[in-house]
Structures are given as structure tokens and as C-alpha cells.
Amino acid sequence: MLNLILFGPPGSGKGTQAALLVEKYHLLHISTGDLFRYEIGNNTELGLLAKSYMDKGQLVPDSVTIGMMKNKLAANPDVKGIIFDGFPRTVAQAEALDVLLDDMDTSVSYLISLDVPDAEITERILLRGKTSGRSDDNDPEIIAKRIAVYKNETTPVFDYYAEEGKSLKIKGVGSIEDIFGRLCEELDTF
């Protein structure tokens, strides 16, 4: 089973590349944002619990997010693999994900990080901001803060999986096709 964590700062192209990888390798795409929208939109027990935290401006506990992932995986038992997008964001979440996958007799195969310079990230997000309707995509200061949060809080997850020899960096600059080609080159060696 091929289980990937697609990693990179905001605007690095994770969503675009995840969609292409899902199509080529027939992986189940698990995006925490999609999970939250589904669970909350369907008023599930976990969705209502998550919403209660969000309504108070609090972070949803990892246990709730892992519970949502467990439900998604249970609903898709015959997948060839999984691509995690937007999770884990902390070492604690990585450890919780490892336990969940271990309970399923599988593990994270690789964390692949799209390596994109900060200036390129800022340019991409500002360009996206012209059509996204997100005010935070139009403010260079907010973009810089988002990049800093990523580096400070999320980058340790790369190091966590690197200790197991499971972290790779892929050059995330170039055309969508070029980046996808580099990703496939790595994945086809597994």
C-alpha cells in the first residue's frame, strides 16, 4: 500500500499535484479540509464536536481529526494507497497518524515535500488571490505570516519522517507537468 504525505508551504501546489497523483496511482485523497466540511455538513457526531470547537475559535483536537480519518479509511477499505493533504501538521499529529495506520497494518511510505522558494510562494498566492476570493491571498504580510507558521510548526514533521528515511524533497518550481514528472519519477522507484 502506497501511503504518501504531500507536504509544502501554502501555495506550493499540493492540491494540484495531489489531484494528478490520485488519478495516476489510484490513491484515496484525504484532505483535512474536505473531511471537516463533510463531517460538519452531514452533522455527524465528530462533525458536531469539531464545529463546537471551531465556533469558539479553538483548534479541533487531534483525536477528533484522527477519528474523522479513521471513518474515511473504514469507508474505503480496498484502496491501493492514500495521499494525505494538509495532515499531519505537527509531530503529535504524525505520531497519531502512525498509530492509526499501524492499527490497519500499514504505515506512511513517504513524505514528499514540494520545495518552493518563499518569493515564488508569495507570487503564486498573490496570483491566486485575483480569483480565489480569499482576502488572505491578497495581502503579502499575511502570506509571509502563513509561510512563517508553516516553517515553524510544520517543518518538524519533515524531520520526524526523515529520521525513518521517509522524507523526500522535490523541486516544486516549473510547470505543473514538470513538477508532476519529478514526483512520478520518485514514486515509480518505490
N, C-alpha and C. Protein backbone atom coordinates (compact mmCIF):
# COMPACT_ATOMS: atom_id res chain seq x y z
N MET A 1 0.86 -1.18 0.00
CA MET A 1 0.00 0.00 0.00
C MET A 1 0.90 1.23 0.00
N LEU A 2 0.65 2.15 -0.93
CA LEU A 2 1.43 3.37 -1.04
C LEU A 2 0.72 4.48 -0.29
N ASN A 3 1.29 4.92 0.83
CA ASN A 3 0.70 5.97 1.66
C ASN A 3 1.64 7.16 1.67
N LEU A 4 1.18 8.26 1.08
CA LEU A 4 2.01 9.45 0.93
C LEU A 4 1.46 10.61 1.72
N ILE A 5 2.37 11.39 2.26
CA ILE A 5 2.02 12.69 2.81
C ILE A 5 2.58 13.69 1.81
N LEU A 6 1.71 14.50 1.23
CA LEU A 6 2.16 15.55 0.32
C LEU A 6 2.29 16.82 1.14
N PHE A 7 3.47 17.38 1.09
CA PHE A 7 3.88 18.41 2.03
C PHE A 7 4.36 19.64 1.28
N GLY A 8 4.24 20.78 1.87
CA GLY A 8 4.77 22.00 1.29
C GLY A 8 4.03 23.20 1.85
N PRO A 9 4.64 24.35 1.69
CA PRO A 9 4.02 25.58 2.22
C PRO A 9 2.75 25.92 1.45
N PRO A 10 1.95 26.84 1.99
CA PRO A 10 0.76 27.29 1.27
C PRO A 10 1.18 27.77 -0.11
N GLY A 11 0.41 27.44 -1.13
CA GLY A 11 0.72 27.91 -2.47
C GLY A 11 1.78 27.09 -3.20
N SER A 12 2.21 25.98 -2.61
CA SER A 12 3.26 25.18 -3.25
C SER A 12 2.73 24.26 -4.33
N GLY A 13 1.41 24.14 -4.43
CA GLY A 13 0.82 23.30 -5.47
C GLY A 13 0.39 21.93 -5.00
N LYS A 14 0.27 21.76 -3.68
CA LYS A 14 -0.11 20.44 -3.14
C LYS A 14 -1.44 19.95 -3.71
N GLY A 15 -2.43 20.79 -3.71
CA GLY A 15 -3.75 20.37 -4.18
C GLY A 15 -3.74 19.97 -5.65
N THR A 16 -3.06 20.75 -6.45
CA THR A 16 -2.96 20.45 -7.88
C THR A 16 -2.25 19.13 -8.11
N GLN A 17 -1.11 18.95 -7.45
CA GLN A 17 -0.34 17.72 -7.63
C GLN A 17 -1.06 16.52 -7.02
N ALA A 18 -1.74 16.71 -5.90
CA ALA A 18 -2.49 15.61 -5.28
C ALA A 18 -3.53 15.06 -6.25
N ALA A 19 -4.24 15.95 -6.93
CA ALA A 19 -5.28 15.51 -7.88
C ALA A 19 -4.66 14.67 -9.00
N LEU A 20 -3.50 15.08 -9.49
CA LEU A 20 -2.83 14.33 -10.55
C LEU A 20 -2.33 12.97 -10.05
N LEU A 21 -1.78 12.95 -8.84
CA LEU A 21 -1.29 11.70 -8.26
C LEU A 21 -2.42 10.72 -8.00
N VAL A 22 -3.56 11.22 -7.53
CA VAL A 22 -4.73 10.37 -7.28
C VAL A 22 -5.16 9.70 -8.58
N GLU A 23 -5.19 10.47 -9.65
CA GLU A 23 -5.62 9.94 -10.94
C GLU A 23 -4.65 8.87 -11.47
N LYS A 24 -3.35 9.14 -11.39
CA LYS A 24 -2.37 8.20 -11.95
C LYS A 24 -2.20 6.95 -11.10
N TYR A 25 -2.14 7.11 -9.78
CA TYR A 25 -1.81 5.98 -8.91
C TYR A 25 -3.03 5.38 -8.20
N HIS A 26 -4.22 5.94 -8.45
CA HIS A 26 -5.47 5.43 -7.88
C HIS A 26 -5.42 5.43 -6.35
N LEU A 27 -5.01 6.55 -5.79
CA LEU A 27 -4.92 6.71 -4.34
C LEU A 27 -6.16 7.39 -3.81
N LEU A 28 -6.46 7.14 -2.56
CA LEU A 28 -7.54 7.84 -1.87
C LEU A 28 -6.96 9.16 -1.37
N HIS A 29 -7.55 10.27 -1.78
CA HIS A 29 -7.09 11.59 -1.36
C HIS A 29 -7.82 12.00 -0.09
N ILE A 30 -7.05 12.22 0.97
CA ILE A 30 -7.66 12.66 2.22
C ILE A 30 -7.14 14.05 2.54
N SER A 31 -8.02 15.01 2.41
CA SER A 31 -7.75 16.40 2.75
C SER A 31 -8.51 16.71 4.03
N THR A 32 -7.80 17.23 5.01
CA THR A 32 -8.48 17.52 6.28
C THR A 32 -9.59 18.54 6.08
N GLY A 33 -9.38 19.50 5.18
CA GLY A 33 -10.44 20.47 4.93
C GLY A 33 -11.70 19.81 4.40
N ASP A 34 -11.51 18.88 3.45
CA ASP A 34 -12.66 18.15 2.90
C ASP A 34 -13.34 17.29 3.96
N LEU A 35 -12.51 16.65 4.80
CA LEU A 35 -13.07 15.82 5.88
C LEU A 35 -13.95 16.65 6.81
N PHE A 36 -13.43 17.81 7.21
CA PHE A 36 -14.17 18.67 8.12
C PHE A 36 -15.48 19.12 7.47
N ARG A 37 -15.41 19.55 6.21
CA ARG A 37 -16.63 20.01 5.53
C ARG A 37 -17.66 18.89 5.45
N TYR A 38 -17.21 17.67 5.12
CA TYR A 38 -18.13 16.54 5.01
C TYR A 38 -18.78 16.22 6.36
N GLU A 39 -17.95 16.07 7.38
CA GLU A 39 -18.47 15.68 8.71
C GLU A 39 -19.39 16.75 9.28
N ILE A 40 -19.00 18.02 9.14
CA ILE A 40 -19.83 19.11 9.66
C ILE A 40 -21.11 19.24 8.83
N GLY A 41 -20.96 19.16 7.50
CA GLY A 41 -22.11 19.29 6.61
C GLY A 41 -23.14 18.19 6.79
N ASN A 42 -22.68 17.02 7.22
CA ASN A 42 -23.59 15.90 7.43
C ASN A 42 -24.00 15.73 8.89
N ASN A 43 -23.63 16.71 9.70
CA ASN A 43 -24.00 16.71 11.13
C ASN A 43 -23.67 15.40 11.82
N THR A 44 -22.50 14.84 11.49
CA THR A 44 -22.09 13.61 12.18
C THR A 44 -21.66 13.98 13.60
N GLU A 45 -21.54 12.96 14.42
CA GLU A 45 -21.13 13.19 15.81
C GLU A 45 -19.77 13.91 15.85
N LEU A 46 -18.81 13.44 15.05
CA LEU A 46 -17.49 14.09 15.03
C LEU A 46 -17.57 15.49 14.41
N GLY A 47 -18.43 15.65 13.41
CA GLY A 47 -18.60 16.96 12.79
C GLY A 47 -19.15 17.98 13.77
N LEU A 48 -20.15 17.56 14.52
CA LEU A 48 -20.73 18.47 15.53
C LEU A 48 -19.71 18.80 16.63
N LEU A 49 -18.92 17.81 17.00
CA LEU A 49 -17.88 18.05 18.00
C LEU A 49 -16.84 19.03 17.47
N ALA A 50 -16.40 18.82 16.23
CA ALA A 50 -15.43 19.73 15.62
C ALA A 50 -16.00 21.14 15.54
N LYS A 51 -17.25 21.24 15.12
CA LYS A 51 -17.89 22.55 14.98
C LYS A 51 -17.98 23.27 16.32
N SER A 52 -18.19 22.52 17.39
CA SER A 52 -18.28 23.16 18.71
C SER A 52 -16.95 23.83 19.08
N TYR A 53 -15.83 23.21 18.71
CA TYR A 53 -14.53 23.84 18.95
C TYR A 53 -14.33 25.04 18.03
N MET A 54 -14.66 24.86 16.76
CA MET A 54 -14.45 25.92 15.78
C MET A 54 -15.30 27.15 16.10
N ASP A 55 -16.52 26.93 16.56
CA ASP A 55 -17.40 28.04 16.89
C ASP A 55 -16.85 28.89 18.03
N LYS A 56 -16.00 28.28 18.86
CA LYS A 56 -15.38 29.01 19.97
C LYS A 56 -14.01 29.57 19.58
N GLY A 57 -13.64 29.38 18.30
CA GLY A 57 -12.35 29.86 17.84
C GLY A 57 -11.19 29.00 18.31
N GLN A 58 -11.49 27.76 18.71
CA GLN A 58 -10.45 26.86 19.22
C GLN A 58 -10.03 25.88 18.13
N LEU A 59 -8.83 25.35 18.26
CA LEU A 59 -8.37 24.31 17.35
C LEU A 59 -9.11 23.01 17.67
N VAL A 60 -9.42 22.28 16.62
CA VAL A 60 -10.07 20.98 16.80
C VAL A 60 -9.00 20.01 17.30
N PRO A 61 -9.26 19.29 18.38
CA PRO A 61 -8.27 18.35 18.91
C PRO A 61 -7.89 17.28 17.89
N ASP A 62 -6.63 16.86 17.95
CA ASP A 62 -6.14 15.84 17.03
C ASP A 62 -6.99 14.58 17.08
N SER A 63 -7.48 14.23 18.26
CA SER A 63 -8.27 13.00 18.39
C SER A 63 -9.53 13.05 17.51
N VAL A 64 -10.11 14.23 17.37
CA VAL A 64 -11.31 14.38 16.53
C VAL A 64 -10.93 14.21 15.06
N THR A 65 -9.84 14.86 14.65
CA THR A 65 -9.38 14.76 13.26
C THR A 65 -9.02 13.31 12.92
N ILE A 66 -8.31 12.64 13.81
CA ILE A 66 -7.94 11.24 13.60
C ILE A 66 -9.21 10.38 13.51
N GLY A 67 -10.19 10.68 14.33
CA GLY A 67 -11.46 9.94 14.27
C GLY A 67 -12.12 10.09 12.90
N MET A 68 -12.07 11.30 12.35
CA MET A 68 -12.63 11.53 11.02
C MET A 68 -11.86 10.73 9.97
N MET A 69 -10.54 10.70 10.10
CA MET A 69 -9.71 9.94 9.16
C MET A 69 -10.02 8.45 9.26
N LYS A 70 -10.18 7.99 10.47
CA LYS A 70 -10.49 6.57 10.68
C LYS A 70 -11.80 6.21 9.99
N ASN A 71 -12.80 7.09 10.10
CA ASN A 71 -14.09 6.86 9.42
C ASN A 71 -13.92 6.82 7.91
N LYS A 72 -13.12 7.75 7.37
CA LYS A 72 -12.89 7.82 5.92
C LYS A 72 -12.19 6.55 5.43
N LEU A 73 -11.20 6.10 6.18
CA LEU A 73 -10.47 4.89 5.79
C LEU A 73 -11.36 3.65 5.90
N ALA A 74 -12.19 3.60 6.93
CA ALA A 74 -13.10 2.46 7.10
C ALA A 74 -14.11 2.40 5.95
N ALA A 75 -14.47 3.56 5.41
CA ALA A 75 -15.43 3.61 4.31
C ALA A 75 -14.79 3.26 2.96
N ASN A 76 -13.45 3.16 2.95
CA ASN A 76 -12.71 2.88 1.71
C ASN A 76 -11.67 1.78 1.95
N PRO A 77 -12.11 0.56 2.28
CA PRO A 77 -11.16 -0.47 2.71
C PRO A 77 -10.28 -1.05 1.59
N ASP A 78 -10.66 -0.87 0.34
CA ASP A 78 -9.95 -1.53 -0.75
C ASP A 78 -9.05 -0.59 -1.55
N VAL A 79 -8.64 0.52 -0.96
CA VAL A 79 -7.80 1.48 -1.70
C VAL A 79 -6.38 0.94 -1.88
N LYS A 80 -5.74 1.38 -2.96
CA LYS A 80 -4.36 0.97 -3.24
C LYS A 80 -3.36 1.77 -2.40
N GLY A 81 -3.85 2.87 -1.86
CA GLY A 81 -3.00 3.73 -1.06
C GLY A 81 -3.71 5.03 -0.76
N ILE A 82 -3.04 5.88 -0.03
CA ILE A 82 -3.65 7.11 0.45
C ILE A 82 -2.66 8.25 0.22
N ILE A 83 -3.21 9.40 -0.13
CA ILE A 83 -2.40 10.61 -0.15
C ILE A 83 -3.01 11.57 0.87
N PHE A 84 -2.23 11.92 1.86
CA PHE A 84 -2.67 12.83 2.91
C PHE A 84 -2.27 14.24 2.52
N ASP A 85 -3.23 15.14 2.52
CA ASP A 85 -3.03 16.52 2.10
C ASP A 85 -3.49 17.42 3.25
N GLY A 86 -2.55 18.15 3.84
CA GLY A 86 -2.89 19.04 4.94
C GLY A 86 -2.82 18.38 6.30
N PHE A 87 -2.29 17.20 6.35
CA PHE A 87 -2.17 16.45 7.60
C PHE A 87 -1.06 15.43 7.42
N PRO A 88 -0.23 15.24 8.38
CA PRO A 88 -0.15 15.90 9.69
C PRO A 88 0.58 17.24 9.61
N ARG A 89 0.23 18.14 10.51
CA ARG A 89 0.86 19.45 10.57
C ARG A 89 1.78 19.60 11.77
N THR A 90 1.70 18.66 12.68
CA THR A 90 2.57 18.69 13.86
C THR A 90 3.13 17.28 14.09
N VAL A 91 4.19 17.19 14.86
CA VAL A 91 4.76 15.88 15.18
C VAL A 91 3.74 15.04 15.95
N ALA A 92 2.98 15.66 16.84
CA ALA A 92 1.95 14.92 17.58
C ALA A 92 0.93 14.31 16.62
N GLN A 93 0.55 15.05 15.58
CA GLN A 93 -0.38 14.51 14.59
C GLN A 93 0.27 13.38 13.79
N ALA A 94 1.56 13.52 13.49
CA ALA A 94 2.28 12.46 12.77
C ALA A 94 2.30 11.18 13.59
N GLU A 95 2.55 11.33 14.88
CA GLU A 95 2.56 10.16 15.76
C GLU A 95 1.18 9.52 15.82
N ALA A 96 0.13 10.33 15.88
CA ALA A 96 -1.24 9.80 15.91
C ALA A 96 -1.58 9.11 14.58
N LEU A 97 -1.13 9.68 13.47
CA LEU A 97 -1.36 9.06 12.17
C LEU A 97 -0.64 7.71 12.09
N ASP A 98 0.59 7.66 12.61
CA ASP A 98 1.34 6.40 12.61
C ASP A 98 0.60 5.31 13.38
N VAL A 99 0.01 5.67 14.50
CA VAL A 99 -0.74 4.70 15.30
C VAL A 99 -1.97 4.22 14.52
N LEU A 100 -2.69 5.16 13.91
CA LEU A 100 -3.88 4.80 13.13
C LEU A 100 -3.51 3.84 12.00
N LEU A 101 -2.45 4.17 11.26
CA LEU A 101 -2.05 3.30 10.15
C LEU A 101 -1.52 1.96 10.64
N ASP A 102 -0.81 1.97 11.76
CA ASP A 102 -0.30 0.72 12.34
C ASP A 102 -1.46 -0.21 12.70
N ASP A 103 -2.55 0.36 13.21
CA ASP A 103 -3.74 -0.43 13.53
C ASP A 103 -4.33 -1.08 12.28
N MET A 104 -4.01 -0.52 11.11
CA MET A 104 -4.50 -1.05 9.84
C MET A 104 -3.42 -1.90 9.15
N ASP A 105 -2.35 -2.20 9.88
CA ASP A 105 -1.22 -2.97 9.35
C ASP A 105 -0.57 -2.32 8.14
N THR A 106 -0.44 -1.01 8.18
CA THR A 106 0.26 -0.28 7.13
C THR A 106 0.99 0.89 7.78
N SER A 107 1.65 1.69 6.98
CA SER A 107 2.40 2.84 7.52
C SER A 107 2.57 3.89 6.44
N VAL A 108 3.08 5.05 6.84
CA VAL A 108 3.42 6.09 5.88
C VAL A 108 4.59 5.56 5.05
N SER A 109 4.44 5.61 3.73
CA SER A 109 5.52 5.19 2.85
C SER A 109 6.55 6.30 2.71
N TYR A 110 6.05 7.50 2.38
CA TYR A 110 6.94 8.65 2.20
C TYR A 110 6.21 9.94 2.45
N LEU A 111 6.96 10.90 2.93
CA LEU A 111 6.52 12.28 2.96
C LEU A 111 7.29 12.97 1.83
N ILE A 112 6.56 13.55 0.90
CA ILE A 112 7.18 14.25 -0.21
C ILE A 112 6.87 15.73 -0.07
N SER A 113 7.93 16.51 0.05
CA SER A 113 7.81 17.95 0.24
C SER A 113 8.09 18.67 -1.07
N LEU A 114 7.16 19.53 -1.46
CA LEU A 114 7.38 20.38 -2.62
C LEU A 114 8.20 21.58 -2.18
N ASP A 115 9.41 21.67 -2.67
CA ASP A 115 10.36 22.70 -2.26
C ASP A 115 10.23 23.90 -3.19
N VAL A 116 9.70 25.00 -2.64
CA VAL A 116 9.45 26.20 -3.42
C VAL A 116 9.96 27.41 -2.64
N PRO A 117 10.78 28.28 -3.28
CA PRO A 117 11.28 29.47 -2.58
C PRO A 117 10.15 30.39 -2.13
N ASP A 118 10.37 31.10 -1.03
CA ASP A 118 9.35 31.99 -0.46
C ASP A 118 8.84 33.02 -1.47
N ALA A 119 9.74 33.59 -2.27
CA ALA A 119 9.32 34.61 -3.24
C ALA A 119 8.34 34.02 -4.26
N GLU A 120 8.61 32.79 -4.68
CA GLU A 120 7.72 32.12 -5.64
C GLU A 120 6.36 31.82 -4.98
N ILE A 121 6.39 31.40 -3.72
CA ILE A 121 5.14 31.13 -2.99
C ILE A 121 4.29 32.40 -2.93
N THR A 122 4.93 33.50 -2.55
CA THR A 122 4.21 34.77 -2.44
C THR A 122 3.60 35.16 -3.78
N GLU A 123 4.38 35.03 -4.84
CA GLU A 123 3.90 35.37 -6.18
C GLU A 123 2.70 34.49 -6.58
N ARG A 124 2.80 33.20 -6.31
CA ARG A 124 1.70 32.28 -6.65
C ARG A 124 0.43 32.61 -5.89
N ILE A 125 0.58 32.88 -4.59
CA ILE A 125 -0.62 33.15 -3.78
C ILE A 125 -1.26 34.47 -4.19
N LEU A 126 -0.44 35.49 -4.48
CA LEU A 126 -0.99 36.77 -4.94
C LEU A 126 -1.73 36.59 -6.26
N LEU A 127 -1.17 35.77 -7.15
CA LEU A 127 -1.84 35.49 -8.41
C LEU A 127 -3.15 34.74 -8.17
N ARG A 128 -3.10 33.75 -7.28
CA ARG A 128 -4.32 33.00 -6.94
C ARG A 128 -5.36 33.94 -6.32
N GLY A 129 -4.89 34.93 -5.57
CA GLY A 129 -5.79 35.86 -4.90
C GLY A 129 -6.66 36.67 -5.83
N LYS A 130 -6.25 36.78 -7.09
CA LYS A 130 -7.05 37.52 -8.07
C LYS A 130 -8.36 36.81 -8.39
N THR A 131 -8.41 35.49 -8.14
CA THR A 131 -9.62 34.73 -8.47
C THR A 131 -10.18 33.93 -7.30
N SER A 132 -9.40 33.77 -6.22
CA SER A 132 -9.84 32.88 -5.13
C SER A 132 -10.93 33.48 -4.26
N GLY A 133 -11.00 34.80 -4.21
CA GLY A 133 -11.97 35.44 -3.33
C GLY A 133 -11.54 35.44 -1.87
N ARG A 134 -10.33 34.95 -1.60
CA ARG A 134 -9.81 34.92 -0.22
C ARG A 134 -8.99 36.18 0.02
N SER A 135 -9.39 36.98 0.99
CA SER A 135 -8.67 38.22 1.27
C SER A 135 -7.24 37.95 1.72
N ASP A 136 -7.02 36.81 2.39
CA ASP A 136 -5.66 36.50 2.86
C ASP A 136 -4.72 36.14 1.72
N ASP A 137 -5.25 35.90 0.53
CA ASP A 137 -4.42 35.63 -0.65
C ASP A 137 -3.97 36.92 -1.34
N ASN A 138 -4.43 38.07 -0.86
CA ASN A 138 -4.09 39.34 -1.48
C ASN A 138 -3.20 40.22 -0.62
N ASP A 139 -2.79 39.74 0.53
CA ASP A 139 -2.01 40.54 1.46
C ASP A 139 -0.63 39.92 1.68
N PRO A 140 0.42 40.54 1.15
CA PRO A 140 1.78 39.98 1.28
C PRO A 140 2.21 39.75 2.74
N GLU A 141 1.75 40.59 3.65
CA GLU A 141 2.11 40.40 5.07
C GLU A 141 1.48 39.13 5.64
N ILE A 142 0.23 38.90 5.31
CA ILE A 142 -0.45 37.68 5.78
C ILE A 142 0.19 36.45 5.14
N ILE A 143 0.54 36.56 3.87
CA ILE A 143 1.20 35.45 3.18
C ILE A 143 2.52 35.13 3.88
N ALA A 144 3.29 36.17 4.22
CA ALA A 144 4.58 35.96 4.91
C ALA A 144 4.36 35.28 6.26
N LYS A 145 3.29 35.65 6.96
CA LYS A 145 2.99 35.01 8.25
C LYS A 145 2.61 33.55 8.06
N ARG A 146 1.86 33.25 7.01
CA ARG A 146 1.47 31.87 6.74
C ARG A 146 2.70 31.01 6.43
N ILE A 147 3.63 31.57 5.69
CA ILE A 147 4.87 30.85 5.37
C ILE A 147 5.68 30.62 6.65
N ALA A 148 5.74 31.64 7.51
CA ALA A 148 6.49 31.52 8.77
C ALA A 148 5.86 30.46 9.67
N VAL A 149 4.54 30.43 9.76
CA VAL A 149 3.85 29.41 10.57
C VAL A 149 4.18 28.03 10.02
N TYR A 150 4.13 27.89 8.71
CA TYR A 150 4.46 26.60 8.10
C TYR A 150 5.87 26.16 8.51
N LYS A 151 6.83 27.07 8.35
CA LYS A 151 8.22 26.73 8.65
C LYS A 151 8.40 26.37 10.13
N ASN A 152 7.79 27.14 11.01
CA ASN A 152 7.99 26.93 12.45
C ASN A 152 7.24 25.73 13.01
N GLU A 153 6.02 25.52 12.54
CA GLU A 153 5.17 24.50 13.16
C GLU A 153 5.09 23.19 12.38
N THR A 154 5.24 23.28 11.06
CA THR A 154 5.01 22.10 10.24
C THR A 154 6.29 21.43 9.78
N THR A 155 7.33 22.19 9.56
CA THR A 155 8.59 21.62 9.09
C THR A 155 9.13 20.51 9.99
N PRO A 156 8.94 20.56 11.32
CA PRO A 156 9.41 19.44 12.15
C PRO A 156 8.82 18.08 11.75
N VAL A 157 7.67 18.07 11.09
CA VAL A 157 7.10 16.81 10.63
C VAL A 157 8.00 16.19 9.55
N PHE A 158 8.59 17.04 8.71
CA PHE A 158 9.54 16.55 7.70
C PHE A 158 10.70 15.85 8.40
N ASP A 159 11.22 16.50 9.45
CA ASP A 159 12.35 15.93 10.20
C ASP A 159 11.96 14.63 10.89
N TYR A 160 10.73 14.56 11.39
CA TYR A 160 10.24 13.35 12.06
C TYR A 160 10.30 12.15 11.12
N TYR A 161 9.79 12.31 9.90
CA TYR A 161 9.82 11.20 8.94
C TYR A 161 11.21 11.01 8.33
N ALA A 162 12.02 12.05 8.31
CA ALA A 162 13.40 11.93 7.81
C ALA A 162 14.20 10.98 8.70
N GLU A 163 13.92 10.98 10.00
CA GLU A 163 14.60 10.08 10.92
C GLU A 163 14.36 8.61 10.54
N GLU A 164 13.24 8.35 9.86
CA GLU A 164 12.92 6.99 9.41
C GLU A 164 13.32 6.78 7.95
N GLY A 165 13.98 7.77 7.35
CA GLY A 165 14.37 7.68 5.95
C GLY A 165 13.20 7.80 4.99
N LYS A 166 12.13 8.48 5.42
CA LYS A 166 10.91 8.54 4.61
C LYS A 166 10.60 9.92 4.04
N SER A 167 11.49 10.90 4.22
CA SER A 167 11.21 12.25 3.74
C SER A 167 12.02 12.54 2.48
N LEU A 168 11.34 13.11 1.48
CA LEU A 168 11.98 13.50 0.23
C LEU A 168 11.60 14.93 -0.10
N LYS A 169 12.51 15.66 -0.72
CA LYS A 169 12.20 16.98 -1.24
C LYS A 169 12.22 16.90 -2.76
N ILE A 170 11.20 17.49 -3.36
CA ILE A 170 11.08 17.56 -4.81
C ILE A 170 11.04 19.04 -5.18
N LYS A 171 11.78 19.41 -6.20
CA LYS A 171 11.76 20.79 -6.68
C LYS A 171 10.34 21.11 -7.15
N GLY A 172 9.72 22.09 -6.48
CA GLY A 172 8.33 22.44 -6.77
C GLY A 172 8.19 23.66 -7.65
N VAL A 173 9.21 23.95 -8.46
CA VAL A 173 9.18 25.10 -9.36
C VAL A 173 9.21 24.58 -10.79
N GLY A 174 8.44 25.22 -11.65
CA GLY A 174 8.35 24.82 -13.05
C GLY A 174 6.89 24.67 -13.41
N SER A 175 6.65 24.08 -14.55
CA SER A 175 5.26 23.86 -14.97
C SER A 175 4.64 22.76 -14.11
N ILE A 176 3.32 22.72 -14.10
CA ILE A 176 2.60 21.68 -13.37
C ILE A 176 3.06 20.31 -13.86
N GLU A 177 3.24 20.19 -15.17
CA GLU A 177 3.66 18.92 -15.76
C GLU A 177 5.07 18.54 -15.32
N ASP A 178 5.98 19.54 -15.28
CA ASP A 178 7.36 19.26 -14.87
C ASP A 178 7.42 18.77 -13.43
N ILE A 179 6.67 19.43 -12.56
CA ILE A 179 6.66 19.05 -11.14
C ILE A 179 6.06 17.65 -11.01
N PHE A 180 4.96 17.41 -11.71
CA PHE A 180 4.33 16.09 -11.67
C PHE A 180 5.29 15.02 -12.18
N GLY A 181 6.03 15.33 -13.22
CA GLY A 181 7.02 14.39 -13.75
C GLY A 181 8.07 14.03 -12.72
N ARG A 182 8.53 15.03 -11.96
CA ARG A 182 9.53 14.76 -10.91
C ARG A 182 8.93 13.89 -9.81
N LEU A 183 7.68 14.16 -9.45
CA LEU A 183 7.02 13.35 -8.43
C LEU A 183 6.89 11.89 -8.90
N CYS A 184 6.44 11.71 -10.13
CA CYS A 184 6.25 10.36 -10.68
C CYS A 184 7.58 9.62 -10.77
N GLU A 185 8.62 10.33 -11.13
CA GLU A 185 9.96 9.71 -11.22
C GLU A 185 10.34 9.10 -9.89
N GLU A 186 10.08 9.82 -8.81
CA GLU A 186 10.38 9.29 -7.47
C GLU A 186 9.44 8.14 -7.12
N LEU A 187 8.14 8.33 -7.34
CA LEU A 187 7.17 7.31 -6.94
C LEU A 187 7.33 6.02 -7.73
N ASP A 188 7.74 6.12 -8.97
CA ASP A 188 7.87 4.92 -9.79
C ASP A 188 9.06 4.06 -9.36
N THR A 189 9.90 4.58 -8.49
CA THR A 189 11.03 3.78 -7.99
C THR A 189 10.65 3.00 -6.74
N PHE A 190 9.47 3.27 -6.17
CA PHE A 190 9.06 2.60 -4.92
C PHE A 190 8.57 1.20 -5.22
